[in-house]
Amino acid sequence: MDATKKEVNCSAIELALSCPHTPGFGLMAGQGDAAATERITKAVKEVTALPIIVKLSPSMPGEVQAAKAAEESGAAAINMGNTLGPGMRIDIERKKRMLAFGRGGLSGHAIKPIAVRCVYDIYDAVKIPVIGTGGMINGVDAIEMMMAGARQVGVGTAVYYKGLDAFSQIENEMNDWLDKHGYKNVKEIVGVAHE
């Protein structure tokens, strides 16, 4: 093996084409359109047999076209959800930007309705699985995302507020809701808002 290469044991590769605040990468490098999504996905597919998950941002104009381009270029799934932005905060006592880079993505519960709408729109446009991320703090949020079309959900906001117990809390809340409404498993609710 080449000394510059390292073996990595992983099941898939996520291409985060959607970072809204990193110069040279993501949206600030013009990676936020269908043509760039197609070009990058194809280039990665040429060098790996691993499944590729393309992560898009709600900030991305034309996220549906980008998702379709990713699918046509061989992506195994779409992760719809990243931060919005870039945004900025100022520390008024120091009179300086709070983040070292100055700009950062807006995340948290406030972006969930936008992420849900993006998942909903992409679900209608592609056949590959959609992973819904963005602002979920409880089981109801996860169920809403799945009804929009997500087959899986990603959780970050809840962990920030509740710690690692967030995962079991969300699972329990989802199971309680599914039982109460007569569903046998979570697969039965994926995309039901489209019916």
C-alpha atoms as a PDB file:
ATOM      1  CA  MET A   1       0.000   0.000   0.000  1.00  0.00           C
ATOM      2  CA  ASP A   2       1.121   3.541  -0.782  1.00  0.00           C
ATOM      3  CA  ALA A   3       2.564   5.158   2.378  1.00  0.00           C
ATOM      4  CA  THR A   4       0.442   8.293   1.785  1.00  0.00           C
ATOM      5  CA  LYS A   5      -2.799   6.292   1.847  1.00  0.00           C
ATOM      6  CA  LYS A   6      -4.452   4.903   4.942  1.00  0.00           C
ATOM      7  CA  GLU A   7      -6.995   2.148   5.263  1.00  0.00           C
ATOM      8  CA  VAL A   8     -10.295   3.454   6.554  1.00  0.00           C
ATOM      9  CA  ASN A   9     -13.056   1.133   7.651  1.00  0.00           C
ATOM     10  CA  CYS A  10     -16.335   2.783   6.720  1.00  0.00           C
ATOM     11  CA  SER A  11     -19.633   1.833   5.120  1.00  0.00           C
ATOM     12  CA  ALA A  12     -20.201   4.922   2.973  1.00  0.00           C
ATOM     13  CA  ILE A  13     -18.786   8.313   2.057  1.00  0.00           C
ATOM     14  CA  GLU A  14     -20.724  11.513   2.633  1.00  0.00           C
ATOM     15  CA  LEU A  15     -19.951  14.383   0.294  1.00  0.00           C
ATOM     16  CA  ALA A  16     -20.758  17.569   2.181  1.00  0.00           C
ATOM     17  CA  LEU A  17     -21.232  19.815  -0.834  1.00  0.00           C
ATOM     18  CA  SER A  18     -23.318  22.165   1.196  1.00  0.00           C
ATOM     19  CA  CYS A  19     -21.174  23.910   3.790  1.00  0.00           C
ATOM     20  CA  PRO A  20     -22.368  27.526   3.676  1.00  0.00           C
ATOM     21  CA  HIS A  21     -19.319  29.103   5.320  1.00  0.00           C
ATOM     22  CA  THR A  22     -16.024  27.511   4.270  1.00  0.00           C
ATOM     23  CA  PRO A  23     -14.028  29.369   1.591  1.00  0.00           C
ATOM     24  CA  GLY A  24     -12.884  27.035  -1.145  1.00  0.00           C
ATOM     25  CA  PHE A  25     -15.494  24.429  -0.307  1.00  0.00           C
ATOM     26  CA  GLY A  26     -19.258  23.972  -0.443  1.00  0.00           C
ATOM     27  CA  LEU A  27     -21.527  26.835  -1.390  1.00  0.00           C
ATOM     28  CA  MET A  28     -18.755  29.444  -1.178  1.00  0.00           C
ATOM     29  CA  ALA A  29     -16.812  27.523  -3.818  1.00  0.00           C
ATOM     30  CA  GLY A  30     -19.728  27.325  -6.212  1.00  0.00           C
ATOM     31  CA  GLN A  31     -20.514  23.714  -5.331  1.00  0.00           C
ATOM     32  CA  GLY A  32     -24.148  24.600  -4.816  1.00  0.00           C
ATOM     33  CA  ASP A  33     -25.626  23.743  -8.170  1.00  0.00           C
ATOM     34  CA  ALA A  34     -26.594  20.672 -10.147  1.00  0.00           C
ATOM     35  CA  ALA A  35     -23.589  20.817 -12.499  1.00  0.00           C
ATOM     36  CA  ALA A  36     -21.085  20.897  -9.631  1.00  0.00           C
ATOM     37  CA  THR A  37     -22.985  18.153  -7.796  1.00  0.00           C
ATOM     38  CA  GLU A  38     -22.830  15.955 -10.892  1.00  0.00           C
ATOM     39  CA  ARG A  39     -19.130  16.638 -11.498  1.00  0.00           C
ATOM     40  CA  ILE A  40     -18.072  15.985  -7.895  1.00  0.00           C
ATOM     41  CA  THR A  41     -20.245  12.889  -7.438  1.00  0.00           C
ATOM     42  CA  LYS A  42     -18.909  11.331 -10.641  1.00  0.00           C
ATOM     43  CA  ALA A  43     -15.312  12.090  -9.658  1.00  0.00           C
ATOM     44  CA  VAL A  44     -15.721  10.385  -6.283  1.00  0.00           C
ATOM     45  CA  LYS A  45     -17.555   7.422  -7.844  1.00  0.00           C
ATOM     46  CA  GLU A  46     -14.524   6.875 -10.091  1.00  0.00           C
ATOM     47  CA  VAL A  47     -12.232   6.236  -7.110  1.00  0.00           C
ATOM     48  CA  THR A  48     -14.419   4.250  -4.723  1.00  0.00           C
ATOM     49  CA  ALA A  49     -16.914   1.413  -4.702  1.00  0.00           C
ATOM     50  CA  LEU A  50     -18.394   2.651  -1.425  1.00  0.00           C
ATOM     51  CA  PRO A  51     -21.921   4.087  -1.451  1.00  0.00           C
ATOM     52  CA  ILE A  52     -21.921   7.875  -1.725  1.00  0.00           C
ATOM     53  CA  ILE A  53     -24.293  10.077   0.256  1.00  0.00           C
ATOM     54  CA  VAL A  54     -24.524  13.608  -1.113  1.00  0.00           C
ATOM     55  CA  LYS A  55     -25.270  16.197   1.584  1.00  0.00           C
ATOM     56  CA  LEU A  56     -27.166  19.236   0.356  1.00  0.00           C
ATOM     57  CA  SER A  57     -28.098  22.458   2.128  1.00  0.00           C
ATOM     58  CA  PRO A  58     -31.423  24.264   2.433  1.00  0.00           C
ATOM     59  CA  SER A  59     -29.372  27.346   1.455  1.00  0.00           C
ATOM     60  CA  MET A  60     -28.672  25.786  -1.925  1.00  0.00           C
ATOM     61  CA  PRO A  61     -30.743  27.230  -4.751  1.00  0.00           C
ATOM     62  CA  GLY A  62     -32.174  24.416  -6.846  1.00  0.00           C
ATOM     63  CA  GLU A  63     -31.726  21.674  -4.251  1.00  0.00           C
ATOM     64  CA  VAL A  64     -34.150  19.418  -6.151  1.00  0.00           C
ATOM     65  CA  GLN A  65     -32.099  19.671  -9.352  1.00  0.00           C
ATOM     66  CA  ALA A  66     -28.911  19.015  -7.357  1.00  0.00           C
ATOM     67  CA  ALA A  67     -30.482  15.925  -5.787  1.00  0.00           C
ATOM     68  CA  LYS A  68     -31.495  14.628  -9.206  1.00  0.00           C
ATOM     69  CA  ALA A  69     -27.985  15.259 -10.536  1.00  0.00           C
ATOM     70  CA  ALA A  70     -26.518  13.358  -7.587  1.00  0.00           C
ATOM     71  CA  GLU A  71     -28.827  10.412  -8.229  1.00  0.00           C
ATOM     72  CA  GLU A  72     -28.053  10.367 -11.963  1.00  0.00           C
ATOM     73  CA  SER A  73     -24.329  10.455 -11.140  1.00  0.00           C
ATOM     74  CA  GLY A  74     -24.517   7.375  -8.938  1.00  0.00           C
ATOM     75  CA  ALA A  75     -25.217   8.658  -5.415  1.00  0.00           C
ATOM     76  CA  ALA A  76     -26.759   6.047  -3.124  1.00  0.00           C
ATOM     77  CA  ALA A  77     -28.638   8.582  -0.981  1.00  0.00           C
ATOM     78  CA  ILE A  78     -29.243  12.275  -0.363  1.00  0.00           C
ATOM     79  CA  ASN A  79     -28.699  13.834   3.060  1.00  0.00           C
ATOM     80  CA  MET A  80     -30.968  16.843   2.925  1.00  0.00           C
ATOM     81  CA  GLY A  81     -30.035  19.167   5.660  1.00  0.00           C
ATOM     82  CA  ASN A  82     -27.163  21.278   6.683  1.00  0.00           C
ATOM     83  CA  THR A  83     -26.975  24.690   8.169  1.00  0.00           C
ATOM     84  CA  LEU A  84     -28.401  27.795   6.520  1.00  0.00           C
ATOM     85  CA  GLY A  85     -26.294  30.778   5.869  1.00  0.00           C
ATOM     86  CA  PRO A  86     -23.753  31.958   6.248  1.00  0.00           C
ATOM     87  CA  GLY A  87     -24.733  34.047   9.235  1.00  0.00           C
ATOM     88  CA  MET A  88     -22.764  36.076  11.746  1.00  0.00           C
ATOM     89  CA  ARG A  89     -22.819  37.009  15.442  1.00  0.00           C
ATOM     90  CA  ILE A  90     -20.970  39.924  17.045  1.00  0.00           C
ATOM     91  CA  ASP A  91     -19.684  39.883  20.628  1.00  0.00           C
ATOM     92  CA  ILE A  92     -20.713  43.404  21.628  1.00  0.00           C
ATOM     93  CA  GLU A  93     -18.323  43.526  24.615  1.00  0.00           C
ATOM     94  CA  ARG A  94     -15.261  42.560  22.555  1.00  0.00           C
ATOM     95  CA  LYS A  95     -16.599  44.324  19.441  1.00  0.00           C
ATOM     96  CA  LYS A  96     -15.532  41.314  17.388  1.00  0.00           C
ATOM     97  CA  ARG A  97     -17.099  38.508  15.455  1.00  0.00           C
ATOM     98  CA  MET A  98     -17.837  35.495  17.664  1.00  0.00           C
ATOM     99  CA  LEU A  99     -16.554  32.831  15.280  1.00  0.00           C
ATOM    100  CA  ALA A 100     -12.887  32.741  14.304  1.00  0.00           C
ATOM    101  CA  PHE A 101     -13.799  32.587  10.637  1.00  0.00           C
ATOM    102  CA  GLY A 102     -16.451  35.224  11.212  1.00  0.00           C
ATOM    103  CA  ARG A 103     -19.262  33.460   9.437  1.00  0.00           C
ATOM    104  CA  GLY A 104     -21.088  30.274  10.259  1.00  0.00           C
ATOM    105  CA  GLY A 105     -24.113  28.237   9.401  1.00  0.00           C
ATOM    106  CA  LEU A 106     -27.372  28.748  11.268  1.00  0.00           C
ATOM    107  CA  SER A 107     -28.637  25.499  12.760  1.00  0.00           C
ATOM    108  CA  GLY A 108     -31.120  24.418  15.388  1.00  0.00           C
ATOM    109  CA  HIS A 109     -34.853  24.021  15.666  1.00  0.00           C
ATOM    110  CA  ALA A 110     -35.564  27.210  13.696  1.00  0.00           C
ATOM    111  CA  ILE A 111     -34.418  25.624  10.422  1.00  0.00           C
ATOM    112  CA  LYS A 112     -36.547  22.461  10.741  1.00  0.00           C
ATOM    113  CA  PRO A 113     -39.526  23.708   8.663  1.00  0.00           C
ATOM    114  CA  ILE A 114     -37.177  24.572   5.804  1.00  0.00           C
ATOM    115  CA  ALA A 115     -35.449  21.181   6.036  1.00  0.00           C
ATOM    116  CA  VAL A 116     -38.839  19.412   6.068  1.00  0.00           C
ATOM    117  CA  ARG A 117     -39.911  21.302   2.940  1.00  0.00           C
ATOM    118  CA  CYS A 118     -36.656  20.401   1.170  1.00  0.00           C
ATOM    119  CA  VAL A 119     -37.014  16.704   2.083  1.00  0.00           C
ATOM    120  CA  TYR A 120     -40.619  16.810   0.847  1.00  0.00           C
ATOM    121  CA  ASP A 121     -39.633  18.316  -2.515  1.00  0.00           C
ATOM    122  CA  ILE A 122     -36.659  15.987  -3.044  1.00  0.00           C
ATOM    123  CA  TYR A 123     -38.675  12.876  -2.117  1.00  0.00           C
ATOM    124  CA  ASP A 124     -40.904  13.501  -5.148  1.00  0.00           C
ATOM    125  CA  ALA A 125     -37.903  13.971  -7.447  1.00  0.00           C
ATOM    126  CA  VAL A 126     -35.603  11.004  -6.708  1.00  0.00           C
ATOM    127  CA  LYS A 127     -35.861   7.271  -6.134  1.00  0.00           C
ATOM    128  CA  ILE A 128     -32.823   6.928  -3.852  1.00  0.00           C
ATOM    129  CA  PRO A 129     -33.263   7.278  -0.072  1.00  0.00           C
ATOM    130  CA  VAL A 130     -33.424  10.732   1.484  1.00  0.00           C
ATOM    131  CA  ILE A 131     -31.955  11.302   4.941  1.00  0.00           C
ATOM    132  CA  GLY A 132     -33.599  14.208   6.743  1.00  0.00           C
ATOM    133  CA  THR A 133     -31.515  16.396   9.030  1.00  0.00           C
ATOM    134  CA  GLY A 134     -31.972  19.835  10.464  1.00  0.00           C
ATOM    135  CA  GLY A 135     -33.312  21.000  13.797  1.00  0.00           C
ATOM    136  CA  MET A 136     -34.919  17.875  15.243  1.00  0.00           C
ATOM    137  CA  ILE A 137     -35.252  17.848  19.021  1.00  0.00           C
ATOM    138  CA  ASN A 138     -37.880  15.166  19.663  1.00  0.00           C
ATOM    139  CA  GLY A 139     -39.721  12.182  18.236  1.00  0.00           C
ATOM    140  CA  VAL A 140     -42.491  14.331  16.768  1.00  0.00           C
ATOM    141  CA  ASP A 141     -39.896  16.227  14.718  1.00  0.00           C
ATOM    142  CA  ALA A 142     -38.430  12.952  13.435  1.00  0.00           C
ATOM    143  CA  ILE A 143     -41.885  11.616  12.507  1.00  0.00           C
ATOM    144  CA  GLU A 144     -42.664  14.838  10.638  1.00  0.00           C
ATOM    145  CA  MET A 145     -39.401  14.526   8.697  1.00  0.00           C
ATOM    146  CA  MET A 146     -40.183  10.917   7.816  1.00  0.00           C
ATOM    147  CA  MET A 147     -43.729  11.773   6.712  1.00  0.00           C
ATOM    148  CA  ALA A 148     -42.137  14.334   4.383  1.00  0.00           C
ATOM    149  CA  GLY A 149     -40.132  11.491   2.831  1.00  0.00           C
ATOM    150  CA  ALA A 150     -36.996  10.830   4.869  1.00  0.00           C
ATOM    151  CA  ARG A 151     -36.164   7.132   5.266  1.00  0.00           C
ATOM    152  CA  GLN A 152     -33.666   7.974   7.993  1.00  0.00           C
ATOM    153  CA  VAL A 153     -33.103  11.037  10.140  1.00  0.00           C
ATOM    154  CA  GLY A 154     -29.958  12.665  11.433  1.00  0.00           C
ATOM    155  CA  VAL A 155     -29.959  14.163  14.911  1.00  0.00           C
ATOM    156  CA  GLY A 156     -27.651  16.927  16.090  1.00  0.00           C
ATOM    157  CA  THR A 157     -29.744  19.679  17.657  1.00  0.00           C
ATOM    158  CA  ALA A 158     -31.305  17.338  20.234  1.00  0.00           C
ATOM    159  CA  VAL A 159     -27.866  16.105  21.297  1.00  0.00           C
ATOM    160  CA  TYR A 160     -26.779  19.701  21.870  1.00  0.00           C
ATOM    161  CA  TYR A 161     -29.715  20.314  24.215  1.00  0.00           C
ATOM    162  CA  LYS A 162     -30.178  16.870  25.802  1.00  0.00           C
ATOM    163  CA  GLY A 163     -26.874  15.051  25.454  1.00  0.00           C
ATOM    164  CA  LEU A 164     -26.574  11.475  24.236  1.00  0.00           C
ATOM    165  CA  ASP A 165     -29.835  10.540  25.971  1.00  0.00           C
ATOM    166  CA  ALA A 166     -31.554  12.350  23.090  1.00  0.00           C
ATOM    167  CA  PHE A 167     -31.310   9.255  20.900  1.00  0.00           C
ATOM    168  CA  SER A 168     -33.204   6.949  23.254  1.00  0.00           C
ATOM    169  CA  GLN A 169     -35.719   9.709  24.062  1.00  0.00           C
ATOM    170  CA  ILE A 170     -36.463  10.263  20.372  1.00  0.00           C
ATOM    171  CA  GLU A 171     -36.740   6.515  19.759  1.00  0.00           C
ATOM    172  CA  ASN A 172     -39.137   6.084  22.677  1.00  0.00           C
ATOM    173  CA  GLU A 173     -41.274   9.057  21.612  1.00  0.00           C
ATOM    174  CA  MET A 174     -41.460   7.716  18.063  1.00  0.00           C
ATOM    175  CA  ASN A 175     -42.386   4.213  19.226  1.00  0.00           C
ATOM    176  CA  ASP A 176     -45.092   5.585  21.530  1.00  0.00           C
ATOM    177  CA  TRP A 177     -46.571   7.631  18.685  1.00  0.00           C
ATOM    178  CA  LEU A 178     -46.434   4.705  16.224  1.00  0.00           C
ATOM    179  CA  ASP A 179     -48.137   2.378  18.730  1.00  0.00           C
ATOM    180  CA  LYS A 180     -50.824   4.939  19.529  1.00  0.00           C
ATOM    181  CA  HIS A 181     -51.608   5.402  15.834  1.00  0.00           C
ATOM    182  CA  GLY A 182     -51.564   1.713  14.873  1.00  0.00           C
ATOM    183  CA  TYR A 183     -48.333   1.545  12.875  1.00  0.00           C
ATOM    184  CA  LYS A 184     -46.248  -1.637  13.034  1.00  0.00           C
ATOM    185  CA  ASN A 185     -42.973   0.029  12.098  1.00  0.00           C
ATOM    186  CA  VAL A 186     -41.517   3.360  11.103  1.00  0.00           C
ATOM    187  CA  LYS A 187     -41.258   2.402   7.409  1.00  0.00           C
ATOM    188  CA  GLU A 188     -45.026   2.733   7.138  1.00  0.00           C
ATOM    189  CA  ILE A 189     -44.925   6.521   7.676  1.00  0.00           C
ATOM    190  CA  VAL A 190     -42.195   7.379   5.151  1.00  0.00           C
ATOM    191  CA  GLY A 191     -43.686   9.781   2.615  1.00  0.00           C
ATOM    192  CA  VAL A 192     -47.292   9.485   3.844  1.00  0.00           C
ATOM    193  CA  ALA A 193     -47.716  13.263   3.612  1.00  0.00           C
ATOM    194  CA  HIS A 194     -47.565  12.810  -0.183  1.00  0.00           C
ATOM    195  CA  GLU A 195     -50.644  10.567  -0.375  1.00  0.00           C
END
